[in-house]
C-alpha atoms as a PDB file:
ATOM      1  CA  MET A   1      30.669   6.048  13.956  1.00  0.00           C
ATOM      2  CA  SER A   2      29.524   4.110  17.016  1.00  0.00           C
ATOM      3  CA  ARG A   3      27.746   0.803  16.787  1.00  0.00           C
ATOM      4  CA  LYS A   4      24.548   2.281  18.244  1.00  0.00           C
ATOM      5  CA  LYS A   5      24.431   4.954  15.548  1.00  0.00           C
ATOM      6  CA  LYS A   6      24.932   2.360  12.813  1.00  0.00           C
ATOM      7  CA  ILE A   7      22.128   0.224  14.214  1.00  0.00           C
ATOM      8  CA  ALA A   8      19.847   3.266  14.490  1.00  0.00           C
ATOM      9  CA  ILE A   9      20.573   4.244  10.881  1.00  0.00           C
ATOM     10  CA  VAL A  10      19.866   0.717   9.644  1.00  0.00           C
ATOM     11  CA  VAL A  11      16.607   0.526  11.613  1.00  0.00           C
ATOM     12  CA  LEU A  12      15.470   3.918  10.322  1.00  0.00           C
ATOM     13  CA  ALA A  13      16.380   2.986   6.745  1.00  0.00           C
ATOM     14  CA  LEU A  14      14.443  -0.275   6.994  1.00  0.00           C
ATOM     15  CA  PHE A  15      11.447   1.536   8.477  1.00  0.00           C
ATOM     16  CA  ALA A  16      11.563   4.103   5.655  1.00  0.00           C
ATOM     17  CA  LEU A  17      11.724   1.348   3.048  1.00  0.00           C
ATOM     18  CA  TYR A  18       8.818  -0.460   4.719  1.00  0.00           C
ATOM     19  CA  SER A  19       6.762   2.722   4.802  1.00  0.00           C
ATOM     20  CA  ILE A  20       7.426   3.660   1.191  1.00  0.00           C
ATOM     21  CA  THR A  21       6.624   0.156   0.026  1.00  0.00           C
ATOM     22  CA  GLY A  22       3.493  -0.222   2.104  1.00  0.00           C
ATOM     23  CA  PHE A  23       1.957   3.188   1.545  1.00  0.00           C
ATOM     24  CA  LEU A  24       3.012   4.066  -1.995  1.00  0.00           C
ATOM     25  CA  ILE A  25       4.164   1.116  -4.094  1.00  0.00           C
ATOM     26  CA  ILE A  26       1.762  -1.627  -2.986  1.00  0.00           C
ATOM     27  CA  PRO A  27      -1.441   0.429  -3.462  1.00  0.00           C
ATOM     28  CA  MET A  28      -0.402   1.418  -6.978  1.00  0.00           C
ATOM     29  CA  VAL A  29       0.434  -2.168  -7.919  1.00  0.00           C
ATOM     30  CA  ALA A  30      -2.737  -3.481  -6.245  1.00  0.00           C
ATOM     31  CA  GLU A  31      -4.950  -1.143  -8.280  1.00  0.00           C
ATOM     32  CA  SER A  32      -3.404  -2.353 -11.513  1.00  0.00           C
ATOM     33  CA  VAL A  33      -3.404  -6.044 -10.626  1.00  0.00           C
ATOM     34  CA  LEU A  34      -6.921  -5.984  -9.192  1.00  0.00           C
ATOM     35  CA  SER A  35      -8.290  -4.208 -12.232  1.00  0.00           C
ATOM     36  CA  ASN A  36      -6.743  -6.752 -14.600  1.00  0.00           C
ATOM     37  CA  LYS A  37      -7.785  -9.754 -12.529  1.00  0.00           C
ATOM     38  CA  LEU A  38     -11.355  -8.479 -12.062  1.00  0.00           C
ATOM     39  CA  THR A  39     -11.712  -7.811 -15.784  1.00  0.00           C
ATOM     40  CA  GLU A  40     -10.438 -11.292 -16.549  1.00  0.00           C
ATOM     41  CA  HIS A  41     -12.584 -13.021 -13.907  1.00  0.00           C
ATOM     42  CA  LEU A  42     -15.809 -11.098 -14.557  1.00  0.00           C
ATOM     43  CA  GLN A  43     -15.323 -11.149 -18.343  1.00  0.00           C
ATOM     44  CA  ARG A  44     -16.306  -7.482 -18.540  1.00  0.00           C
ATOM     45  CA  PRO A  45     -14.483  -4.191 -18.054  1.00  0.00           C
ATOM     46  CA  ALA A  46     -13.710  -3.450 -14.419  1.00  0.00           C
ATOM     47  CA  SER A  47     -11.732  -0.791 -12.641  1.00  0.00           C
ATOM     48  CA  VAL A  48     -10.617  -0.061  -9.110  1.00  0.00           C
ATOM     49  CA  LYS A  49     -11.349   3.449  -7.927  1.00  0.00           C
ATOM     50  CA  ASN A  50      -9.168   3.525  -4.835  1.00  0.00           C
ATOM     51  CA  VAL A  51      -7.030   1.241  -2.704  1.00  0.00           C
ATOM     52  CA  SER A  52      -7.046   2.443   0.867  1.00  0.00           C
ATOM     53  CA  HIS A  53      -4.973   1.160   3.749  1.00  0.00           C
ATOM     54  CA  CYS A  54      -6.155   3.644   6.339  1.00  0.00           C
ATOM     55  CA  VAL A  55      -8.474   2.378   9.058  1.00  0.00           C
ATOM     56  CA  ALA A  56      -9.971   5.850   9.497  1.00  0.00           C
ATOM     57  CA  ALA A  57     -10.891   5.987   5.795  1.00  0.00           C
ATOM     58  CA  GLN A  58     -12.607   2.612   6.037  1.00  0.00           C
ATOM     59  CA  LYS A  59     -14.611   3.719   9.068  1.00  0.00           C
ATOM     60  CA  SER A  60     -15.758   6.929   7.378  1.00  0.00           C
ATOM     61  CA  GLU A  61     -16.822   5.029   4.245  1.00  0.00           C
ATOM     62  CA  ARG A  62     -18.915   2.627   6.335  1.00  0.00           C
ATOM     63  CA  ALA A  63     -20.619   5.536   8.099  1.00  0.00           C
ATOM     64  CA  ASN A  64     -21.816   6.993   4.786  1.00  0.00           C
END
């Protein structure tokens, strides 16, 4: 396998890992952590409905 192919595979693998982490794992963890921290800080039950990372979703929510 040529050096360029190896570099391309490594770059694609890192991008895939970054994408999976940023779009799937972090939002799930953030919902759990935020819910627990808000409940603790506010001293009342709290929940997080949705964690969104999409700029388009944020713009549409502001328009409503």
